[in-house]
N, C-alpha and C. Protein backbone atom coordinates (compact mmCIF):
# COMPACT_ATOMS: atom_id res chain seq x y z
N MET A 1 -6.89 -6.53 30.77
CA MET A 1 -7.95 -6.06 29.91
C MET A 1 -8.21 -7.67 29.31
N ASP A 2 -9.81 -7.37 29.20
CA ASP A 2 -10.33 -8.99 28.95
C ASP A 2 -10.28 -8.97 27.40
N TRP A 3 -11.00 -10.19 26.64
CA TRP A 3 -11.17 -9.96 25.35
C TRP A 3 -12.21 -9.16 24.66
N VAL A 4 -13.35 -8.91 25.20
CA VAL A 4 -14.15 -8.23 25.06
C VAL A 4 -13.68 -6.45 24.64
N GLU A 5 -12.60 -6.03 25.25
CA GLU A 5 -12.15 -4.59 25.48
C GLU A 5 -11.51 -4.11 24.34
N ARG A 6 -10.43 -5.40 23.91
CA ARG A 6 -9.15 -5.49 23.27
C ARG A 6 -10.14 -5.29 21.57
N GLU A 7 -11.58 -5.96 21.85
CA GLU A 7 -11.76 -5.94 20.27
C GLU A 7 -12.21 -4.21 19.87
N ARG A 8 -12.72 -3.42 21.01
CA ARG A 8 -13.45 -2.20 20.55
C ARG A 8 -11.98 -1.22 20.27
N VAL A 9 -11.81 -0.46 19.07
CA VAL A 9 -10.56 0.19 19.04
C VAL A 9 -10.78 1.43 18.91
N GLU A 10 -10.79 2.54 19.96
CA GLU A 10 -11.30 3.73 20.32
C GLU A 10 -9.74 4.72 20.65
N SER A 11 -9.73 5.83 19.92
CA SER A 11 -8.62 6.79 20.23
C SER A 11 -8.99 8.45 19.62
N ALA A 12 -8.88 9.32 20.44
CA ALA A 12 -9.16 10.37 19.80
C ALA A 12 -7.98 10.98 18.56
N LYS A 13 -6.65 9.97 18.42
CA LYS A 13 -5.64 10.18 17.78
C LYS A 13 -5.38 9.55 16.23
N LEU A 14 -6.97 8.38 16.58
CA LEU A 14 -6.90 7.11 15.47
C LEU A 14 -7.89 8.00 14.25
N ASN A 15 -8.28 9.49 14.61
CA ASN A 15 -9.23 9.82 13.48
C ASN A 15 -7.65 10.30 12.68
N ASP A 16 -6.89 11.30 13.47
CA ASP A 16 -5.81 11.96 12.68
C ASP A 16 -4.86 10.86 11.65
N PHE A 17 -4.69 9.62 12.26
CA PHE A 17 -4.07 8.70 11.55
C PHE A 17 -4.88 8.21 10.64
N ALA A 18 -6.18 7.88 10.42
CA ALA A 18 -7.49 7.66 9.59
C ALA A 18 -6.90 8.60 8.25
N ARG A 19 -7.71 10.10 8.54
CA ARG A 19 -7.47 10.94 7.83
C ARG A 19 -6.12 11.08 7.07
N ILE A 20 -5.08 10.65 7.54
CA ILE A 20 -3.66 10.80 7.34
C ILE A 20 -3.32 9.59 6.19
N MET A 21 -3.97 8.49 6.53
CA MET A 21 -3.66 7.59 5.74
C MET A 21 -4.58 7.59 4.75
N GLY A 22 -5.81 7.88 5.00
CA GLY A 22 -6.84 7.34 3.86
C GLY A 22 -7.05 8.53 2.97
N ALA A 23 -6.47 9.40 3.07
CA ALA A 23 -6.72 10.96 2.30
C ALA A 23 -6.87 10.69 0.44
N GLY A 24 -7.62 10.63 0.22
CA GLY A 24 -8.26 10.66 -1.05
C GLY A 24 -8.40 8.88 -1.84
N VAL A 25 -8.15 8.18 -0.58
CA VAL A 25 -8.54 6.82 -0.60
C VAL A 25 -9.52 6.15 -0.94
N SER A 26 -10.72 6.66 -0.29
CA SER A 26 -11.83 5.68 0.23
C SER A 26 -13.38 7.45 -0.41
N SER A 27 -14.02 7.05 -0.51
CA SER A 27 -15.03 7.95 -0.67
C SER A 27 -16.07 7.67 -0.15
N PRO A 28 -17.29 8.42 0.47
CA PRO A 28 -18.23 8.16 1.66
C PRO A 28 -19.27 6.80 1.11
N SER A 29 -19.19 6.90 -0.12
CA SER A 29 -20.28 5.16 -0.90
C SER A 29 -19.31 4.22 -0.44
N SER A 30 -18.03 4.01 -0.52
CA SER A 30 -16.98 3.11 -0.17
C SER A 30 -16.42 2.80 0.55
N PRO A 31 -16.86 2.51 1.60
CA PRO A 31 -15.55 2.68 3.21
C PRO A 31 -14.07 1.68 2.70
N CYS A 32 -13.10 2.17 3.59
CA CYS A 32 -11.90 1.39 3.44
C CYS A 32 -11.62 0.35 4.69
N ALA A 33 -10.89 -0.33 4.31
CA ALA A 33 -10.92 -1.24 5.63
C ALA A 33 -11.08 -0.74 7.25
N GLY A 34 -10.13 0.40 6.88
CA GLY A 34 -9.54 1.05 8.34
C GLY A 34 -10.42 2.27 8.73
N GLU A 35 -11.26 2.28 7.97
CA GLU A 35 -12.31 3.49 8.14
C GLU A 35 -12.98 3.64 9.18
N LEU A 36 -13.00 4.81 9.70
CA LEU A 36 -13.43 5.06 11.12
C LEU A 36 -14.85 5.50 10.86
N GLN A 37 -16.16 5.09 11.71
CA GLN A 37 -16.94 5.32 12.02
C GLN A 37 -17.44 5.85 13.46
N GLU A 38 -18.84 6.60 13.41
CA GLU A 38 -18.72 7.20 15.03
C GLU A 38 -19.87 5.96 15.63
N ALA A 39 -19.19 5.84 16.63
CA ALA A 39 -20.20 5.40 17.28
C ALA A 39 -21.27 5.66 18.41
N SER A 40 -22.28 4.87 18.78
CA SER A 40 -23.33 5.77 19.25
C SER A 40 -23.28 6.85 20.33
N ALA A 41 -21.95 6.15 20.83
CA ALA A 41 -21.55 7.37 21.97
C ALA A 41 -20.64 8.49 21.56
N GLY A 42 -20.37 8.35 20.34
CA GLY A 42 -19.13 9.53 19.64
C GLY A 42 -18.15 9.63 19.94
N ALA A 43 -17.43 8.10 19.96
CA ALA A 43 -16.47 7.62 19.93
C ALA A 43 -16.11 7.15 18.24
N PRO A 44 -14.82 7.50 17.77
CA PRO A 44 -14.35 6.60 16.84
C PRO A 44 -14.35 4.96 16.98
N ARG A 45 -15.00 4.34 15.55
CA ARG A 45 -14.83 3.03 15.70
C ARG A 45 -13.97 2.30 14.36
N VAL A 46 -13.56 1.13 14.35
CA VAL A 46 -13.08 0.75 13.26
C VAL A 46 -14.02 -0.10 12.86
N ASN A 47 -14.18 0.30 11.10
CA ASN A 47 -15.07 -0.68 10.36
C ASN A 47 -14.22 -2.06 9.64
N LEU A 48 -14.16 -3.08 10.24
CA LEU A 48 -13.79 -4.47 9.54
C LEU A 48 -14.90 -4.56 8.48
N ASP A 49 -14.49 -4.77 7.59
CA ASP A 49 -15.32 -5.72 6.32
C ASP A 49 -14.14 -6.45 5.97
N ALA A 50 -14.91 -7.73 5.55
CA ALA A 50 -13.68 -8.86 4.69
C ALA A 50 -13.57 -8.55 3.73
N GLU A 51 -14.02 -8.06 2.62
CA GLU A 51 -13.98 -7.65 1.57
C GLU A 51 -12.74 -6.27 1.35
N ASN A 52 -12.98 -5.33 2.15
CA ASN A 52 -12.17 -4.51 2.40
C ASN A 52 -10.68 -4.37 3.02
N VAL A 53 -10.99 -5.40 3.77
CA VAL A 53 -9.60 -5.91 4.14
C VAL A 53 -8.54 -6.45 3.13
N LYS A 54 -9.54 -7.46 2.57
CA LYS A 54 -8.57 -7.94 1.68
C LYS A 54 -7.91 -7.15 0.71
N ASN A 55 -8.70 -6.36 0.61
CA ASN A 55 -8.18 -5.01 -0.69
C ASN A 55 -7.27 -3.90 -0.19
N GLY A 56 -7.31 -3.58 1.22
CA GLY A 56 -6.36 -2.93 1.69
C GLY A 56 -5.06 -3.67 2.13
N LEU A 57 -5.26 -4.85 2.17
CA LEU A 57 -4.05 -5.92 2.59
C LEU A 57 -3.33 -5.85 1.40
N GLY A 58 -4.23 -6.19 0.17
CA GLY A 58 -3.57 -5.92 -1.10
C GLY A 58 -2.47 -4.68 -1.28
N LYS A 59 -3.39 -4.13 -0.99
CA LYS A 59 -2.62 -2.08 -1.70
C LYS A 59 -1.76 -2.49 -1.14
N LEU A 60 -1.54 -2.90 0.47
CA LEU A 60 -0.43 -2.41 1.18
C LEU A 60 0.70 -3.27 0.93
N VAL A 61 0.47 -5.01 0.73
CA VAL A 61 1.15 -5.63 -0.02
C VAL A 61 1.87 -5.31 -1.13
N LEU A 62 1.12 -4.68 -2.31
CA LEU A 62 1.26 -4.29 -3.30
C LEU A 62 2.20 -2.81 -3.68
N THR A 63 2.20 -2.10 -2.42
CA THR A 63 2.79 -0.86 -2.49
C THR A 63 3.84 -1.00 -2.09
N LEU A 64 4.33 -2.17 -0.64
CA LEU A 64 5.83 -2.73 -0.87
C LEU A 64 6.50 -3.33 -1.76
N VAL A 65 5.59 -4.45 -2.45
CA VAL A 65 6.39 -4.75 -3.37
C VAL A 65 6.54 -3.80 -4.69
N LYS A 66 6.05 -2.92 -5.03
CA LYS A 66 6.08 -1.75 -5.77
C LYS A 66 7.81 -1.52 -5.72
N LEU A 67 7.54 -0.92 -4.22
CA LEU A 67 8.76 -0.26 -3.48
C LEU A 67 10.16 -0.76 -4.04
N LEU A 68 9.90 -2.23 -3.17
CA LEU A 68 11.03 -3.06 -3.56
C LEU A 68 11.70 -2.88 -4.99
N HIS A 69 10.54 -3.19 -6.27
CA HIS A 69 10.43 -3.59 -6.90
C HIS A 69 11.61 -2.10 -7.59
N GLU A 70 10.84 -1.23 -7.30
CA GLU A 70 12.05 0.30 -8.07
C GLU A 70 13.48 0.40 -7.15
N LEU A 71 13.15 0.05 -5.90
CA LEU A 71 14.56 -0.05 -5.52
C LEU A 71 15.57 -1.28 -5.96
N LEU A 72 15.53 -2.21 -6.79
CA LEU A 72 15.97 -2.95 -7.74
C LEU A 72 16.27 -2.55 -8.64
N GLU A 73 15.57 -1.92 -9.48
CA GLU A 73 15.54 -1.06 -11.13
C GLU A 73 17.01 -0.16 -10.26
N LYS A 74 16.51 0.49 -9.21
CA LYS A 74 17.74 1.62 -9.23
C LYS A 74 18.70 0.91 -8.88
N GLN A 75 19.10 0.00 -8.30
CA GLN A 75 20.29 -1.27 -8.10
C GLN A 75 20.94 -1.20 -9.09
N ALA A 76 20.19 -2.02 -10.40
CA ALA A 76 20.66 -2.65 -11.41
C ALA A 76 21.15 -1.43 -12.23
N ILE A 77 20.61 -0.23 -12.08
CA ILE A 77 20.83 0.71 -13.62
C ILE A 77 22.10 1.37 -13.10
N LYS A 78 22.52 1.47 -11.54
CA LYS A 78 23.78 1.98 -10.64
C LYS A 78 24.68 0.74 -11.42
N GLN A 79 24.10 -0.43 -11.16
CA GLN A 79 25.55 -1.62 -11.57
C GLN A 79 25.83 -1.70 -13.04
N ILE A 80 24.46 -1.32 -13.96
CA ILE A 80 25.04 -1.30 -15.19
C ILE A 80 25.98 -0.11 -15.69
N ASP A 81 25.82 1.03 -14.92
CA ASP A 81 26.44 1.91 -15.16
C ASP A 81 27.59 2.48 -14.51
N ASP A 82 28.15 1.87 -13.58
CA ASP A 82 29.24 1.31 -12.89
C ASP A 82 30.12 0.13 -14.29
N GLY A 83 29.39 -0.45 -14.48
CA GLY A 83 29.97 -1.71 -15.58
C GLY A 83 30.55 -2.62 -15.04
N TYR A 84 29.53 -2.94 -14.16
CA TYR A 84 29.89 -4.30 -13.34
C TYR A 84 29.45 -5.48 -13.73
N LEU A 85 28.46 -5.18 -14.83
CA LEU A 85 27.90 -6.32 -15.22
C LEU A 85 28.25 -6.71 -16.79
N THR A 86 28.04 -8.12 -17.08
CA THR A 86 27.83 -8.15 -18.49
C THR A 86 26.92 -8.29 -19.35
N ASP A 87 26.81 -8.71 -20.56
CA ASP A 87 25.70 -8.47 -21.39
C ASP A 87 24.46 -9.30 -21.04
N ALA A 88 25.13 -10.84 -20.87
CA ALA A 88 23.81 -11.27 -20.74
C ALA A 88 22.90 -11.07 -19.11
N GLU A 89 24.39 -10.59 -17.95
CA GLU A 89 23.65 -10.63 -16.83
C GLU A 89 22.55 -9.30 -16.98
N ILE A 90 23.01 -8.31 -17.92
CA ILE A 90 22.04 -7.04 -17.69
C ILE A 90 20.71 -7.53 -18.64
N GLU A 91 21.01 -8.79 -19.70
CA GLU A 91 19.32 -8.88 -20.19
C GLU A 91 18.87 -9.47 -19.48
N ARG A 92 19.30 -10.47 -18.51
CA ARG A 92 18.41 -11.50 -17.73
C ARG A 92 18.17 -10.21 -16.49
N ILE A 93 18.90 -9.25 -16.09
CA ILE A 93 17.97 -8.74 -15.23
C ILE A 93 16.90 -7.68 -15.92
N GLY A 94 17.05 -7.13 -17.00
CA GLY A 94 16.14 -6.46 -17.85
C GLY A 94 14.62 -7.14 -18.23
N LEU A 95 14.72 -8.83 -18.00
CA LEU A 95 13.64 -9.35 -18.41
C LEU A 95 12.83 -9.93 -17.36
N THR A 96 13.83 -10.29 -16.51
CA THR A 96 13.34 -10.52 -14.76
C THR A 96 12.62 -9.26 -14.16
N LEU A 97 13.11 -7.91 -14.31
CA LEU A 97 12.26 -6.51 -14.02
C LEU A 97 10.81 -6.34 -14.65
N MET A 98 11.15 -6.87 -15.99
CA MET A 98 10.09 -6.37 -16.78
C MET A 98 9.15 -7.56 -16.47
N ARG A 99 8.98 -8.85 -16.30
CA ARG A 99 8.21 -9.68 -15.65
C ARG A 99 7.75 -9.43 -14.72
N GLN A 100 8.51 -8.98 -13.20
CA GLN A 100 7.92 -8.36 -12.21
C GLN A 100 7.43 -7.18 -11.81
N ALA A 101 7.32 -6.46 -13.11
CA ALA A 101 6.86 -5.12 -13.34
C ALA A 101 5.31 -5.65 -13.95
N GLU A 102 5.45 -6.77 -14.77
CA GLU A 102 3.92 -7.24 -15.39
C GLU A 102 2.89 -7.87 -14.32
N GLU A 103 4.07 -8.65 -13.56
CA GLU A 103 3.22 -9.20 -12.32
C GLU A 103 2.71 -8.39 -11.30
N ILE A 104 3.37 -7.22 -10.99
CA ILE A 104 2.17 -6.33 -10.20
C ILE A 104 1.87 -5.60 -10.79
N ASP A 105 1.82 -5.30 -11.92
CA ASP A 105 0.40 -4.63 -12.65
C ASP A 105 -0.96 -5.79 -12.63
N ARG A 106 -0.43 -6.72 -13.04
CA ARG A 106 -1.40 -8.05 -13.24
C ARG A 106 -2.21 -8.14 -12.00
N LEU A 107 -1.44 -8.20 -10.41
CA LEU A 107 -2.05 -7.91 -9.19
C LEU A 107 -3.01 -6.81 -8.92
N ARG A 108 -2.88 -5.69 -9.35
CA ARG A 108 -3.28 -4.35 -8.86
C ARG A 108 -4.53 -4.41 -9.59
N LYS A 109 -4.77 -5.07 -10.96
CA LYS A 109 -5.75 -4.83 -11.40
C LYS A 109 -6.57 -5.55 -10.82
N GLU A 110 -5.62 -7.37 -10.47
CA GLU A 110 -6.68 -7.73 -9.73
C GLU A 110 -7.52 -7.54 -8.38
N PHE A 111 -6.48 -6.63 -7.95
CA PHE A 111 -7.53 -5.94 -6.58
C PHE A 111 -8.02 -4.69 -6.89
N HIS A 112 -8.10 -4.62 -8.25
CA HIS A 112 -8.75 -3.51 -8.65
C HIS A 112 -8.70 -1.86 -8.16
N LEU A 113 -7.13 -1.60 -8.32
CA LEU A 113 -6.61 -0.49 -7.82
C LEU A 113 -5.93 0.35 -9.17
N ASP A 114 -5.88 1.63 -8.84
CA ASP A 114 -5.22 2.20 -9.59
C ASP A 114 -3.64 2.28 -9.33
N GLU A 115 -2.92 3.09 -10.61
CA GLU A 115 -1.83 3.21 -10.16
C GLU A 115 -1.24 4.15 -9.01
N GLU A 116 -2.40 5.02 -8.91
CA GLU A 116 -1.95 5.96 -7.63
C GLU A 116 -2.00 5.62 -6.27
N ASP A 117 -3.14 4.07 -6.41
CA ASP A 117 -3.25 3.90 -5.14
C ASP A 117 -2.26 3.21 -4.48
N LEU A 118 -1.54 3.18 -4.96
CA LEU A 118 -0.11 2.15 -5.10
C LEU A 118 1.34 3.27 -4.44
N ASN A 119 0.51 4.56 -3.97
CA ASN A 119 2.02 5.30 -3.75
C ASN A 119 0.88 6.16 -2.46
N LEU A 120 1.36 5.70 -1.55
CA LEU A 120 1.22 6.07 0.00
C LEU A 120 1.51 7.81 0.19
N ASP A 121 0.31 8.25 0.55
CA ASP A 121 0.62 9.89 1.04
C ASP A 121 1.57 9.63 2.38
N LEU A 122 2.69 9.98 2.88
CA LEU A 122 3.11 9.63 4.16
C LEU A 122 2.89 11.23 5.07
N GLY A 123 2.22 12.22 4.63
CA GLY A 123 2.01 13.60 5.14
C GLY A 123 3.32 14.48 4.95
N PRO A 124 4.39 14.44 5.92
CA PRO A 124 5.07 15.64 5.76
C PRO A 124 6.24 15.11 5.21
N LEU A 125 5.92 13.49 4.88
CA LEU A 125 7.25 13.27 4.37
C LEU A 125 6.94 13.13 2.66
N GLY A 126 5.87 13.24 2.46
CA GLY A 126 5.74 13.37 1.19
C GLY A 126 5.01 11.98 0.50
N LYS A 127 5.10 11.56 -1.03
CA LYS A 127 4.39 10.62 -1.38
C LYS A 127 5.46 9.57 -1.17
N LEU A 128 5.34 8.24 -1.32
CA LEU A 128 5.93 7.03 -0.94
C LEU A 128 6.87 6.72 -1.88
N LEU A 129 5.85 6.94 -3.55
CA LEU A 129 7.08 6.49 -4.33
C LEU A 129 7.01 7.43 -5.12
């Protein structure tokens, strides 16, 4: 497969993937980074727009960071409940998690994302967060 052939992304299953991953994310007036468009031959194609790719990547990264943040919060609460931490450690963890949440929120606003944008729909598995 030469370079030109690799640049073109087509698949009947790609429509299903895009529908699941993009459910409720984009509107017809604002295509998302991976939105499929029908080519002249009728085959689906991926539309890559530089600004939308940036926001799509930002959304993905922030979703993963938020997931890790929530896991850290749950782990910290478990350790607090089990009595493994001193008062000073509890205070330090609390401040760290609070600052981390503020930074996630700041970056979310920077990428013009809503809270629900950071919660991916995994289809039959349900929501990520």
